[in-house]
Amino acid sequence: MDTDGVATEGGPAGDEPQGPGEAPAAAQQIFGDRLPVAVRYTELLATAGVQRGLIGPREVPRLWDRHVLNCAVLAELLPPNASLCDVGSGAGLPGIPVAMARPDVSVTLLEPLLRRTTFLEEVVRELELTNVTVLRGRAEEMVGKLSVDVVTARAVAPLDRLAGWGLPLLRPYGQMLALKGDTAEQELADSRSALTKLGAVKWSVIAVGEGALETSTRVVRVEAGESPGGVKAATRRAKAARAGRGPRTGEGTGRGGTGRRRR
């Protein structure tokens, strides 16, 4: 399974997948005048995304409802002009749909694998997403180097492990938003002790997209306190500050890049 939660196995030999189809009515409501950009992104997922193994062929007919719109409704939870890091971005889910729905939000797509960051950079360039930066690396390597208001993730890891990667990247009182589906409540119940140790002060399971989507998106929201990530993260941030590597605020370096936004 890829980091975007999409299995990559194909169907029977000779079984050609259907296309993604026309954008549903909810897409106009969510993306507004950015709908043509969202349509093109969905086409790229259905073609290059499948060819490169980031999207399973069987997912193509349900790209809109299960993937693009399911992710885009996270935009409801974001404050104005927020900075966001999408951990383990994979094919750009949920980061790219959020960036299209909320051009005021500065989005960093954090992904360790070269083939995925290459795809993401090509998509960002083609769609001219000036509020998106692609950063190749692992979340645990970015503590003290990247600091954002919001961390997002989809199907990356169990909640306790994900929190260990994501919370240290937050600014004080930031929030982590994890798309978890039917496992949300159980994962949250199993992770409470770990969340407390990681500096979280509040957590809940919420539904977004109600009234727009046929099936709402279930999200675990974890709110950090004054020291996101706990003692270890605070120590690493202090060490980075002493070394003169202060955190970037929502803008990273692309693959082999210089820190400029990928356009």
C-alpha atoms as a PDB file:
ATOM      1  CA  MET A   1       0.000   0.000   0.000  1.00  0.00           C
ATOM      2  CA  ASP A   2       1.308   3.425  -0.948  1.00  0.00           C
ATOM      3  CA  THR A   3       1.524   6.273   1.545  1.00  0.00           C
ATOM      4  CA  ASP A   4      -1.629   7.777   0.076  1.00  0.00           C
ATOM      5  CA  GLY A   5      -3.551   4.679   1.116  1.00  0.00           C
ATOM      6  CA  VAL A   6      -4.143   3.381  -2.391  1.00  0.00           C
ATOM      7  CA  ALA A   7      -3.311  -0.225  -3.218  1.00  0.00           C
ATOM      8  CA  THR A   8      -1.258  -0.514  -6.385  1.00  0.00           C
ATOM      9  CA  GLU A   9      -2.161  -3.987  -7.548  1.00  0.00           C
ATOM     10  CA  GLY A  10      -3.836  -4.125 -10.955  1.00  0.00           C
ATOM     11  CA  GLY A  11      -6.858  -6.032 -12.150  1.00  0.00           C
ATOM     12  CA  PRO A  12      -6.976  -9.101 -14.383  1.00  0.00           C
ATOM     13  CA  ALA A  13      -4.820  -9.069 -17.508  1.00  0.00           C
ATOM     14  CA  GLY A  14      -6.444  -7.037 -20.250  1.00  0.00           C
ATOM     15  CA  ASP A  15      -8.901  -5.381 -17.848  1.00  0.00           C
ATOM     16  CA  GLU A  16      -8.640  -1.693 -18.718  1.00  0.00           C
ATOM     17  CA  PRO A  17      -9.684   0.654 -15.885  1.00  0.00           C
ATOM     18  CA  GLN A  18     -12.410   3.184 -16.506  1.00  0.00           C
ATOM     19  CA  GLY A  19     -11.572   6.862 -16.460  1.00  0.00           C
ATOM     20  CA  PRO A  20     -12.298   9.075 -13.446  1.00  0.00           C
ATOM     21  CA  GLY A  21     -15.460  10.406 -15.072  1.00  0.00           C
ATOM     22  CA  GLU A  22     -16.867  13.915 -14.911  1.00  0.00           C
ATOM     23  CA  ALA A  23     -16.397  15.971 -11.783  1.00  0.00           C
ATOM     24  CA  PRO A  24     -19.379  15.510  -9.447  1.00  0.00           C
ATOM     25  CA  ALA A  25     -21.478  18.495  -8.385  1.00  0.00           C
ATOM     26  CA  ALA A  26     -19.712  18.591  -5.011  1.00  0.00           C
ATOM     27  CA  ALA A  27     -16.430  19.383  -6.760  1.00  0.00           C
ATOM     28  CA  GLN A  28     -17.784  22.744  -7.944  1.00  0.00           C
ATOM     29  CA  GLN A  29     -18.932  23.529  -4.418  1.00  0.00           C
ATOM     30  CA  ILE A  30     -15.552  22.645  -2.893  1.00  0.00           C
ATOM     31  CA  PHE A  31     -13.118  23.992  -5.523  1.00  0.00           C
ATOM     32  CA  GLY A  32     -15.082  26.899  -6.985  1.00  0.00           C
ATOM     33  CA  ASP A  33     -13.149  28.608  -9.773  1.00  0.00           C
ATOM     34  CA  ARG A  34     -10.254  26.192  -9.165  1.00  0.00           C
ATOM     35  CA  LEU A  35     -12.337  23.288 -10.488  1.00  0.00           C
ATOM     36  CA  PRO A  36     -10.444  23.058 -13.827  1.00  0.00           C
ATOM     37  CA  VAL A  37      -7.213  22.619 -11.860  1.00  0.00           C
ATOM     38  CA  ALA A  38      -8.799  19.859  -9.773  1.00  0.00           C
ATOM     39  CA  VAL A  39     -10.028  18.146 -12.948  1.00  0.00           C
ATOM     40  CA  ARG A  40      -6.519  18.162 -14.396  1.00  0.00           C
ATOM     41  CA  TYR A  41      -5.030  16.787 -11.167  1.00  0.00           C
ATOM     42  CA  THR A  42      -7.539  13.939 -11.192  1.00  0.00           C
ATOM     43  CA  GLU A  43      -6.598  13.184 -14.801  1.00  0.00           C
ATOM     44  CA  LEU A  44      -2.924  13.077 -13.837  1.00  0.00           C
ATOM     45  CA  LEU A  45      -3.671  10.636 -11.028  1.00  0.00           C
ATOM     46  CA  ALA A  46      -5.601   8.426 -13.457  1.00  0.00           C
ATOM     47  CA  THR A  47      -2.775   8.400 -16.021  1.00  0.00           C
ATOM     48  CA  ALA A  48       0.738   9.137 -14.783  1.00  0.00           C
ATOM     49  CA  GLY A  49      -0.224   8.228 -11.224  1.00  0.00           C
ATOM     50  CA  VAL A  50      -1.291   4.753 -12.309  1.00  0.00           C
ATOM     51  CA  GLN A  51       1.633   4.282 -14.702  1.00  0.00           C
ATOM     52  CA  ARG A  52       4.126   5.063 -11.912  1.00  0.00           C
ATOM     53  CA  GLY A  53       2.457   2.848  -9.342  1.00  0.00           C
ATOM     54  CA  LEU A  54       1.162   5.590  -7.051  1.00  0.00           C
ATOM     55  CA  ILE A  55      -2.499   4.829  -7.733  1.00  0.00           C
ATOM     56  CA  GLY A  56      -4.022   1.397  -8.225  1.00  0.00           C
ATOM     57  CA  PRO A  57      -5.884   0.948 -11.540  1.00  0.00           C
ATOM     58  CA  ARG A  58      -9.016  -0.170  -9.688  1.00  0.00           C
ATOM     59  CA  GLU A  59      -9.121   3.175  -7.881  1.00  0.00           C
ATOM     60  CA  VAL A  60      -9.457   5.224 -11.068  1.00  0.00           C
ATOM     61  CA  PRO A  61     -13.296   5.170 -11.335  1.00  0.00           C
ATOM     62  CA  ARG A  62     -13.597   6.390  -7.734  1.00  0.00           C
ATOM     63  CA  LEU A  63     -10.809   8.960  -7.689  1.00  0.00           C
ATOM     64  CA  TRP A  64     -13.189  11.884  -7.214  1.00  0.00           C
ATOM     65  CA  ASP A  65     -15.305  10.618  -4.336  1.00  0.00           C
ATOM     66  CA  ARG A  66     -12.888   8.373  -2.475  1.00  0.00           C
ATOM     67  CA  HIS A  67      -9.692  10.371  -2.898  1.00  0.00           C
ATOM     68  CA  VAL A  68      -9.768  13.937  -4.256  1.00  0.00           C
ATOM     69  CA  LEU A  69     -12.963  15.224  -2.610  1.00  0.00           C
ATOM     70  CA  ASN A  70     -12.484  13.046   0.464  1.00  0.00           C
ATOM     71  CA  CYS A  71      -9.207  14.905   1.057  1.00  0.00           C
ATOM     72  CA  ALA A  72     -10.218  18.388  -0.092  1.00  0.00           C
ATOM     73  CA  VAL A  73     -12.856  18.781   2.624  1.00  0.00           C
ATOM     74  CA  LEU A  74     -10.040  19.008   5.186  1.00  0.00           C
ATOM     75  CA  ALA A  75      -9.919  22.624   4.052  1.00  0.00           C
ATOM     76  CA  GLU A  76     -12.921  23.259   6.320  1.00  0.00           C
ATOM     77  CA  LEU A  77     -10.698  22.802   9.373  1.00  0.00           C
ATOM     78  CA  LEU A  78      -7.874  25.156   8.439  1.00  0.00           C
ATOM     79  CA  PRO A  79      -7.484  28.712   9.754  1.00  0.00           C
ATOM     80  CA  PRO A  80      -6.841  31.526   7.256  1.00  0.00           C
ATOM     81  CA  ASN A  81      -3.324  31.755   5.805  1.00  0.00           C
ATOM     82  CA  ALA A  82      -2.147  28.651   7.649  1.00  0.00           C
ATOM     83  CA  SER A  83       1.055  26.748   6.895  1.00  0.00           C
ATOM     84  CA  LEU A  84       0.611  22.999   6.418  1.00  0.00           C
ATOM     85  CA  CYS A  85       2.865  19.977   6.028  1.00  0.00           C
ATOM     86  CA  ASP A  86       1.456  16.835   4.395  1.00  0.00           C
ATOM     87  CA  VAL A  87       3.548  13.977   5.844  1.00  0.00           C
ATOM     88  CA  GLY A  88       4.113  10.986   3.556  1.00  0.00           C
ATOM     89  CA  SER A  89       2.331  12.788   0.745  1.00  0.00           C
ATOM     90  CA  GLY A  90       2.632   9.982  -1.816  1.00  0.00           C
ATOM     91  CA  ALA A  91       0.573  11.059  -4.822  1.00  0.00           C
ATOM     92  CA  GLY A  92      -0.260  14.368  -3.136  1.00  0.00           C
ATOM     93  CA  LEU A  93      -3.192  13.225  -1.002  1.00  0.00           C
ATOM     94  CA  PRO A  94      -4.425  15.107   0.944  1.00  0.00           C
ATOM     95  CA  GLY A  95      -2.008  18.015   0.400  1.00  0.00           C
ATOM     96  CA  ILE A  96      -2.739  18.894  -3.217  1.00  0.00           C
ATOM     97  CA  PRO A  97      -6.556  18.846  -2.965  1.00  0.00           C
ATOM     98  CA  VAL A  98      -6.291  21.042   0.132  1.00  0.00           C
ATOM     99  CA  ALA A  99      -3.946  23.444  -1.672  1.00  0.00           C
ATOM    100  CA  MET A 100      -6.377  23.711  -4.596  1.00  0.00           C
ATOM    101  CA  ALA A 101      -9.364  24.319  -2.331  1.00  0.00           C
ATOM    102  CA  ARG A 102      -7.474  26.819  -0.147  1.00  0.00           C
ATOM    103  CA  PRO A 103      -4.977  28.928  -2.131  1.00  0.00           C
ATOM    104  CA  ASP A 104      -4.361  31.023   1.008  1.00  0.00           C
ATOM    105  CA  VAL A 105      -2.755  28.008   2.731  1.00  0.00           C
ATOM    106  CA  SER A 106       0.970  27.349   2.254  1.00  0.00           C
ATOM    107  CA  VAL A 107       1.410  23.600   1.716  1.00  0.00           C
ATOM    108  CA  THR A 108       4.596  21.527   1.988  1.00  0.00           C
ATOM    109  CA  LEU A 109       4.405  18.020   0.521  1.00  0.00           C
ATOM    110  CA  LEU A 110       6.873  15.937   2.528  1.00  0.00           C
ATOM    111  CA  GLU A 111       7.786  12.603   0.940  1.00  0.00           C
ATOM    112  CA  PRO A 112      10.945  10.474   1.290  1.00  0.00           C
ATOM    113  CA  LEU A 113      10.856   8.514  -1.995  1.00  0.00           C
ATOM    114  CA  LEU A 114      12.412   9.985  -5.117  1.00  0.00           C
ATOM    115  CA  ARG A 115       9.901   8.569  -7.610  1.00  0.00           C
ATOM    116  CA  ARG A 116       7.068  10.169  -5.663  1.00  0.00           C
ATOM    117  CA  THR A 117       8.706  13.567  -5.207  1.00  0.00           C
ATOM    118  CA  THR A 118       9.488  13.596  -8.935  1.00  0.00           C
ATOM    119  CA  PHE A 119       5.802  13.020  -9.689  1.00  0.00           C
ATOM    120  CA  LEU A 120       4.743  15.654  -7.172  1.00  0.00           C
ATOM    121  CA  GLU A 121       7.107  18.272  -8.595  1.00  0.00           C
ATOM    122  CA  GLU A 122       5.793  17.622 -12.104  1.00  0.00           C
ATOM    123  CA  VAL A 123       2.192  17.948 -10.911  1.00  0.00           C
ATOM    124  CA  VAL A 124       2.883  21.159  -8.984  1.00  0.00           C
ATOM    125  CA  ARG A 125       4.584  22.679 -12.028  1.00  0.00           C
ATOM    126  CA  GLU A 126       1.861  21.677 -14.466  1.00  0.00           C
ATOM    127  CA  LEU A 127      -0.972  22.871 -12.217  1.00  0.00           C
ATOM    128  CA  GLU A 128       0.930  26.076 -11.334  1.00  0.00           C
ATOM    129  CA  LEU A 129       0.272  25.604  -7.635  1.00  0.00           C
ATOM    130  CA  THR A 130       2.231  28.575  -6.331  1.00  0.00           C
ATOM    131  CA  ASN A 131       1.226  27.803  -2.724  1.00  0.00           C
ATOM    132  CA  VAL A 132       2.848  24.331  -2.786  1.00  0.00           C
ATOM    133  CA  THR A 133       6.432  23.231  -2.109  1.00  0.00           C
ATOM    134  CA  VAL A 134       7.769  19.680  -2.517  1.00  0.00           C
ATOM    135  CA  LEU A 135      10.265  18.536   0.080  1.00  0.00           C
ATOM    136  CA  ARG A 136      12.044  15.206  -0.066  1.00  0.00           C
ATOM    137  CA  GLY A 137      12.763  13.696   3.351  1.00  0.00           C
ATOM    138  CA  ARG A 138      11.374  11.987   6.406  1.00  0.00           C
ATOM    139  CA  ALA A 139       9.399  13.777   9.080  1.00  0.00           C
ATOM    140  CA  GLU A 140      11.817  12.768  11.843  1.00  0.00           C
ATOM    141  CA  GLU A 141      14.640  14.482   9.923  1.00  0.00           C
ATOM    142  CA  MET A 142      12.750  17.780   9.789  1.00  0.00           C
ATOM    143  CA  VAL A 143      12.376  18.503  13.508  1.00  0.00           C
ATOM    144  CA  GLY A 144      13.904  21.919  14.089  1.00  0.00           C
ATOM    145  CA  LYS A 145      14.052  22.561  10.346  1.00  0.00           C
ATOM    146  CA  LEU A 146      10.343  22.843   9.516  1.00  0.00           C
ATOM    147  CA  SER A 147       7.625  24.421  11.649  1.00  0.00           C
ATOM    148  CA  VAL A 148       3.967  24.640  10.579  1.00  0.00           C
ATOM    149  CA  ASP A 149       0.487  25.351  11.902  1.00  0.00           C
ATOM    150  CA  VAL A 150      -1.038  22.101  10.644  1.00  0.00           C
ATOM    151  CA  VAL A 151       0.231  18.596   9.867  1.00  0.00           C
ATOM    152  CA  THR A 152      -1.877  16.277   7.710  1.00  0.00           C
ATOM    153  CA  ALA A 153      -1.514  12.605   6.808  1.00  0.00           C
ATOM    154  CA  ARG A 154      -3.491   9.860   5.117  1.00  0.00           C
ATOM    155  CA  ALA A 155      -2.878   6.130   5.605  1.00  0.00           C
ATOM    156  CA  VAL A 156       0.756   6.660   6.570  1.00  0.00           C
ATOM    157  CA  ALA A 157       1.008   4.812   9.916  1.00  0.00           C
ATOM    158  CA  PRO A 158      -0.912   3.957  13.107  1.00  0.00           C
ATOM    159  CA  LEU A 159      -1.902   7.091  15.000  1.00  0.00           C
ATOM    160  CA  ASP A 160       0.624   6.775  17.836  1.00  0.00           C
ATOM    161  CA  ARG A 161       3.537   6.431  15.394  1.00  0.00           C
ATOM    162  CA  LEU A 162       2.166   9.144  13.128  1.00  0.00           C
ATOM    163  CA  ALA A 163       1.901  11.519  16.079  1.00  0.00           C
ATOM    164  CA  GLY A 164       5.549  10.861  16.887  1.00  0.00           C
ATOM    165  CA  TRP A 165       6.452  12.053  13.403  1.00  0.00           C
ATOM    166  CA  GLY A 166       3.917  14.831  12.948  1.00  0.00           C
ATOM    167  CA  LEU A 167       3.523  16.633  16.273  1.00  0.00           C
ATOM    168  CA  PRO A 168       7.209  17.702  16.496  1.00  0.00           C
ATOM    169  CA  LEU A 169       6.750  19.627  13.224  1.00  0.00           C
ATOM    170  CA  LEU A 170       4.015  21.813  14.679  1.00  0.00           C
ATOM    171  CA  ARG A 171       4.276  25.287  16.070  1.00  0.00           C
ATOM    172  CA  PRO A 172       2.974  25.682  19.630  1.00  0.00           C
ATOM    173  CA  TYR A 173      -0.797  25.099  19.746  1.00  0.00           C
ATOM    174  CA  GLY A 174      -0.864  23.710  16.197  1.00  0.00           C
ATOM    175  CA  GLN A 175      -2.955  20.722  15.119  1.00  0.00           C
ATOM    176  CA  MET A 176      -2.485  17.394  13.374  1.00  0.00           C
ATOM    177  CA  LEU A 177      -5.292  16.174  11.111  1.00  0.00           C
ATOM    178  CA  ALA A 178      -5.172  12.467  10.267  1.00  0.00           C
ATOM    179  CA  LEU A 179      -7.642  10.835   7.871  1.00  0.00           C
ATOM    180  CA  LYS A 180      -8.456   7.518   9.523  1.00  0.00           C
ATOM    181  CA  GLY A 181     -11.874   6.298   8.359  1.00  0.00           C
ATOM    182  CA  ASP A 182     -13.592   3.574  10.371  1.00  0.00           C
ATOM    183  CA  THR A 183     -10.532   2.959  12.579  1.00  0.00           C
ATOM    184  CA  ALA A 184     -10.502   6.507  13.952  1.00  0.00           C
ATOM    185  CA  GLU A 185     -12.071   5.932  17.377  1.00  0.00           C
ATOM    186  CA  GLN A 186     -10.133   2.765  18.123  1.00  0.00           C
ATOM    187  CA  GLU A 187      -6.792   4.237  17.085  1.00  0.00           C
ATOM    188  CA  LEU A 188      -7.468   7.290  19.208  1.00  0.00           C
ATOM    189  CA  ALA A 189      -8.375   5.175  22.231  1.00  0.00           C
ATOM    190  CA  ASP A 190      -5.178   3.152  21.799  1.00  0.00           C
ATOM    191  CA  SER A 191      -2.997   6.253  21.455  1.00  0.00           C
ATOM    192  CA  ARG A 192      -4.058   8.524  24.323  1.00  0.00           C
ATOM    193  CA  SER A 193      -1.040   7.814  26.492  1.00  0.00           C
ATOM    194  CA  ALA A 194       1.372   8.361  23.607  1.00  0.00           C
ATOM    195  CA  LEU A 195      -0.372  11.595  22.609  1.00  0.00           C
ATOM    196  CA  THR A 196      -0.022  12.999  26.128  1.00  0.00           C
ATOM    197  CA  LYS A 197       3.706  12.240  26.164  1.00  0.00           C
ATOM    198  CA  LEU A 198       4.029  13.953  22.802  1.00  0.00           C
ATOM    199  CA  GLY A 199       2.628  17.221  24.091  1.00  0.00           C
ATOM    200  CA  ALA A 200      -0.950  16.892  22.869  1.00  0.00           C
ATOM    201  CA  VAL A 201      -3.583  18.536  25.043  1.00  0.00           C
ATOM    202  CA  LYS A 202      -6.806  17.745  23.184  1.00  0.00           C
ATOM    203  CA  TRP A 203      -8.017  15.220  20.629  1.00  0.00           C
ATOM    204  CA  SER A 204     -11.252  14.225  18.951  1.00  0.00           C
ATOM    205  CA  VAL A 205     -12.777  12.456  15.962  1.00  0.00           C
ATOM    206  CA  ILE A 206     -14.711  14.762  13.688  1.00  0.00           C
ATOM    207  CA  ALA A 207     -16.570  14.457  10.385  1.00  0.00           C
ATOM    208  CA  VAL A 208     -16.019  16.939   7.566  1.00  0.00           C
ATOM    209  CA  GLY A 209     -17.732  17.317   4.223  1.00  0.00           C
ATOM    210  CA  GLU A 210     -21.225  16.720   5.582  1.00  0.00           C
ATOM    211  CA  GLY A 211     -23.751  18.171   3.198  1.00  0.00           C
ATOM    212  CA  ALA A 212     -21.235  18.136   0.338  1.00  0.00           C
ATOM    213  CA  LEU A 213     -20.146  14.491   0.177  1.00  0.00           C
ATOM    214  CA  GLU A 214     -22.280  11.381   0.137  1.00  0.00           C
ATOM    215  CA  THR A 215     -20.017   9.935   2.823  1.00  0.00           C
ATOM    216  CA  SER A 216     -18.286  12.418   5.123  1.00  0.00           C
ATOM    217  CA  THR A 217     -14.567  12.224   5.860  1.00  0.00           C
ATOM    218  CA  ARG A 218     -13.589  11.036   9.336  1.00  0.00           C
ATOM    219  CA  VAL A 219     -10.613  12.839  10.799  1.00  0.00           C
ATOM    220  CA  VAL A 220      -8.653  12.493  14.018  1.00  0.00           C
ATOM    221  CA  ARG A 221      -7.777  15.999  15.166  1.00  0.00           C
ATOM    222  CA  VAL A 222      -4.943  16.249  17.692  1.00  0.00           C
ATOM    223  CA  GLU A 223      -4.257  19.672  19.182  1.00  0.00           C
ATOM    224  CA  ALA A 224      -0.809  20.387  20.560  1.00  0.00           C
ATOM    225  CA  GLY A 225       0.104  22.436  23.581  1.00  0.00           C
ATOM    226  CA  GLU A 226       3.058  24.716  24.158  1.00  0.00           C
ATOM    227  CA  SER A 227       5.667  22.033  23.364  1.00  0.00           C
ATOM    228  CA  PRO A 228       4.549  19.928  20.359  1.00  0.00           C
ATOM    229  CA  GLY A 229       6.284  16.577  20.261  1.00  0.00           C
ATOM    230  CA  GLY A 230       7.253  16.597  23.928  1.00  0.00           C
ATOM    231  CA  VAL A 231      10.666  16.853  25.573  1.00  0.00           C
ATOM    232  CA  LYS A 232      12.702  15.096  22.873  1.00  0.00           C
ATOM    233  CA  ALA A 233      11.355  17.317  20.133  1.00  0.00           C
ATOM    234  CA  ALA A 234      11.989  20.439  22.195  1.00  0.00           C
ATOM    235  CA  THR A 235      15.599  19.335  22.694  1.00  0.00           C
ATOM    236  CA  ARG A 236      16.083  18.752  18.959  1.00  0.00           C
ATOM    237  CA  ARG A 237      14.562  22.125  18.099  1.00  0.00           C
ATOM    238  CA  ALA A 238      16.845  23.862  20.578  1.00  0.00           C
ATOM    239  CA  LYS A 239      19.876  22.058  19.154  1.00  0.00           C
ATOM    240  CA  ALA A 240      18.924  23.071  15.623  1.00  0.00           C
ATOM    241  CA  ALA A 241      18.463  26.685  16.736  1.00  0.00           C
ATOM    242  CA  ARG A 242      21.920  26.736  18.347  1.00  0.00           C
ATOM    243  CA  ALA A 243      23.413  25.372  15.154  1.00  0.00           C
ATOM    244  CA  GLY A 244      21.804  28.204  13.214  1.00  0.00           C
ATOM    245  CA  ARG A 245      19.317  25.976  11.394  1.00  0.00           C
ATOM    246  CA  GLY A 246      16.143  27.744  12.390  1.00  0.00           C
ATOM    247  CA  PRO A 247      12.892  26.189  11.180  1.00  0.00           C
ATOM    248  CA  ARG A 248      11.343  27.069   7.875  1.00  0.00           C
ATOM    249  CA  THR A 249       7.763  28.174   8.303  1.00  0.00           C
ATOM    250  CA  GLY A 250       5.862  26.112   5.791  1.00  0.00           C
ATOM    251  CA  GLU A 251       8.349  26.263   2.930  1.00  0.00           C
ATOM    252  CA  GLY A 252      10.842  23.524   2.168  1.00  0.00           C
ATOM    253  CA  THR A 253      13.351  22.614  -0.489  1.00  0.00           C
ATOM    254  CA  GLY A 254      12.313  20.474  -3.392  1.00  0.00           C
ATOM    255  CA  ARG A 255      14.287  17.486  -4.669  1.00  0.00           C
ATOM    256  CA  GLY A 256      17.756  18.869  -5.286  1.00  0.00           C
ATOM    257  CA  GLY A 257      16.258  22.337  -4.894  1.00  0.00           C
ATOM    258  CA  THR A 258      17.257  25.599  -3.321  1.00  0.00           C
ATOM    259  CA  GLY A 259      14.333  26.356  -1.068  1.00  0.00           C
ATOM    260  CA  ARG A 260      12.340  28.194  -3.696  1.00  0.00           C
ATOM    261  CA  ARG A 261       8.746  27.240  -4.302  1.00  0.00           C
ATOM    262  CA  ARG A 262       8.225  24.770  -7.120  1.00  0.00           C
ATOM    263  CA  ARG A 263       6.007  26.416  -9.732  1.00  0.00           C
END
